[in-house]
């Protein structure tokens, strides 16, 4: 059975999304980018998993 691992950690986006140094708009945009990146990665991996994915 193949297991899809969670999306890789992106240090720059993670720091921008959850760091206190950035404004709310930057944090929101970075969180959205992290979600989109994770979705696209999972979607790409779904083609390589039999009977799984989206």
N, C-alpha and C. Protein backbone atom coordinates (compact mmCIF):
# COMPACT_ATOMS: atom_id res chain seq x y z
N UNK A 1 0.84 -1.18 0.00
CA UNK A 1 0.00 0.00 0.00
C UNK A 1 0.89 1.24 0.00
N UNK A 2 0.58 2.17 -0.87
CA UNK A 2 1.36 3.39 -0.98
C UNK A 2 0.75 4.45 -0.08
N UNK A 3 1.64 5.16 0.60
CA UNK A 3 1.19 6.21 1.50
C UNK A 3 1.64 7.56 0.97
N UNK A 4 0.71 8.49 0.82
CA UNK A 4 1.07 9.84 0.39
C UNK A 4 1.51 10.62 1.62
N UNK A 5 2.73 11.09 1.59
CA UNK A 5 3.24 11.85 2.72
C UNK A 5 2.68 13.27 2.69
N UNK A 6 2.58 13.90 3.85
CA UNK A 6 2.09 15.28 3.88
C UNK A 6 3.02 16.21 3.10
N UNK A 7 2.49 17.31 2.68
CA UNK A 7 3.27 18.26 1.91
C UNK A 7 4.52 18.70 2.65
N UNK A 8 5.58 18.88 1.91
CA UNK A 8 6.86 19.26 2.50
C UNK A 8 6.75 20.65 3.13
N UNK A 9 7.50 20.82 4.16
CA UNK A 9 7.53 22.08 4.91
C UNK A 9 8.33 23.12 4.12
N UNK A 10 7.76 24.29 3.89
CA UNK A 10 8.44 25.37 3.19
C UNK A 10 8.79 26.43 4.22
N UNK A 11 10.05 26.50 4.64
CA UNK A 11 10.42 27.39 5.75
C UNK A 11 10.07 28.86 5.52
N UNK A 12 10.30 29.38 4.32
CA UNK A 12 10.01 30.80 4.07
C UNK A 12 8.52 31.09 4.17
N UNK A 13 7.70 30.25 3.56
CA UNK A 13 6.25 30.47 3.63
C UNK A 13 5.72 30.24 5.04
N UNK A 14 6.27 29.23 5.70
CA UNK A 14 5.84 28.93 7.06
C UNK A 14 6.11 30.11 7.99
N UNK A 15 7.31 30.68 7.88
CA UNK A 15 7.68 31.82 8.73
C UNK A 15 6.79 33.03 8.43
N UNK A 16 6.47 33.24 7.17
CA UNK A 16 5.62 34.37 6.81
C UNK A 16 4.18 34.13 7.26
N UNK A 17 3.73 32.88 7.19
CA UNK A 17 2.34 32.57 7.53
C UNK A 17 2.08 32.60 9.03
N UNK A 18 3.07 32.18 9.82
CA UNK A 18 2.82 32.03 11.25
C UNK A 18 3.74 32.87 12.12
N UNK A 19 4.59 33.69 11.52
CA UNK A 19 5.48 34.55 12.29
C UNK A 19 4.76 35.83 12.71
N UNK A 20 5.22 36.41 13.79
CA UNK A 20 4.59 37.62 14.32
C UNK A 20 5.12 38.88 13.66
N UNK A 21 6.19 38.76 12.90
CA UNK A 21 6.81 39.96 12.32
C UNK A 21 6.05 40.50 11.12
N UNK A 22 5.20 39.73 10.52
CA UNK A 22 4.51 40.13 9.29
C UNK A 22 3.09 40.59 9.60
N UNK A 23 2.59 41.43 8.70
CA UNK A 23 1.23 41.94 8.86
C UNK A 23 0.19 40.89 8.54
N UNK A 24 -1.05 41.18 8.89
CA UNK A 24 -2.12 40.20 8.67
C UNK A 24 -2.33 39.84 7.19
N UNK A 25 -2.16 40.78 6.29
CA UNK A 25 -2.35 40.50 4.87
C UNK A 25 -1.28 39.54 4.36
N UNK A 26 -0.05 39.74 4.80
CA UNK A 26 1.05 38.86 4.38
C UNK A 26 0.85 37.47 4.95
N UNK A 27 0.41 37.38 6.21
CA UNK A 27 0.18 36.08 6.83
C UNK A 27 -0.94 35.34 6.11
N UNK A 28 -2.01 36.04 5.78
CA UNK A 28 -3.13 35.41 5.07
C UNK A 28 -2.69 34.91 3.69
N UNK A 29 -1.95 35.73 2.96
CA UNK A 29 -1.49 35.32 1.63
C UNK A 29 -0.56 34.11 1.72
N UNK A 30 0.34 34.10 2.70
CA UNK A 30 1.26 32.97 2.85
C UNK A 30 0.51 31.70 3.23
N UNK A 31 -0.49 31.80 4.08
CA UNK A 31 -1.28 30.62 4.44
C UNK A 31 -2.03 30.09 3.23
N UNK A 32 -2.57 30.99 2.42
CA UNK A 32 -3.26 30.55 1.21
C UNK A 32 -2.29 29.86 0.25
N UNK A 33 -1.08 30.40 0.11
CA UNK A 33 -0.09 29.77 -0.75
C UNK A 33 0.30 28.39 -0.24
N UNK A 34 0.42 28.24 1.07
CA UNK A 34 0.73 26.93 1.63
C UNK A 34 -0.38 25.92 1.33
N UNK A 35 -1.62 26.35 1.45
CA UNK A 35 -2.75 25.46 1.15
C UNK A 35 -2.78 25.08 -0.33
N UNK A 36 -2.59 26.06 -1.19
CA UNK A 36 -2.61 25.80 -2.63
C UNK A 36 -1.46 24.88 -3.01
N UNK A 37 -0.28 25.12 -2.44
CA UNK A 37 0.88 24.28 -2.74
C UNK A 37 0.64 22.84 -2.30
N UNK A 38 0.05 22.68 -1.12
CA UNK A 38 -0.25 21.34 -0.64
C UNK A 38 -1.27 20.63 -1.51
N UNK A 39 -2.30 21.36 -1.94
CA UNK A 39 -3.32 20.77 -2.78
C UNK A 39 -2.74 20.34 -4.13
N UNK A 40 -1.95 21.21 -4.74
CA UNK A 40 -1.37 20.90 -6.05
C UNK A 40 -0.43 19.71 -5.94
N UNK A 41 0.35 19.64 -4.88
CA UNK A 41 1.27 18.52 -4.68
C UNK A 41 0.50 17.21 -4.51
N UNK A 42 -0.53 17.24 -3.68
CA UNK A 42 -1.35 16.04 -3.48
C UNK A 42 -2.06 15.62 -4.77
N UNK A 43 -2.51 16.59 -5.54
CA UNK A 43 -3.16 16.30 -6.80
C UNK A 43 -2.19 15.65 -7.78
N UNK A 44 -0.96 16.14 -7.82
CA UNK A 44 0.05 15.55 -8.70
C UNK A 44 0.39 14.13 -8.26
N UNK A 45 0.45 13.90 -6.96
CA UNK A 45 0.77 12.56 -6.46
C UNK A 45 -0.39 11.59 -6.65
N UNK A 46 -1.61 12.10 -6.77
CA UNK A 46 -2.78 11.23 -6.91
C UNK A 46 -2.71 10.41 -8.19
N UNK A 47 -2.04 10.92 -9.22
CA UNK A 47 -1.90 10.17 -10.46
C UNK A 47 -1.03 8.94 -10.30
N UNK A 48 -0.23 8.89 -9.24
CA UNK A 48 0.72 7.80 -9.05
C UNK A 48 0.27 6.81 -7.97
N UNK A 49 -0.94 6.99 -7.46
CA UNK A 49 -1.44 6.11 -6.41
C UNK A 49 -2.65 5.35 -6.96
N UNK A 50 -2.59 4.03 -7.03
CA UNK A 50 -3.73 3.30 -7.54
C UNK A 50 -4.94 3.40 -6.60
N UNK A 51 -6.08 3.66 -7.14
CA UNK A 51 -7.35 3.72 -6.40
C UNK A 51 -7.34 4.78 -5.31
N UNK A 52 -6.59 5.84 -5.46
CA UNK A 52 -6.57 6.88 -4.44
C UNK A 52 -6.55 8.25 -5.07
N UNK A 53 -6.50 9.21 -4.23
CA UNK A 53 -6.39 10.59 -4.70
C UNK A 53 -7.75 11.23 -4.87
N UNK A 54 -7.81 12.18 -5.77
CA UNK A 54 -9.01 12.99 -5.93
C UNK A 54 -9.88 12.44 -7.01
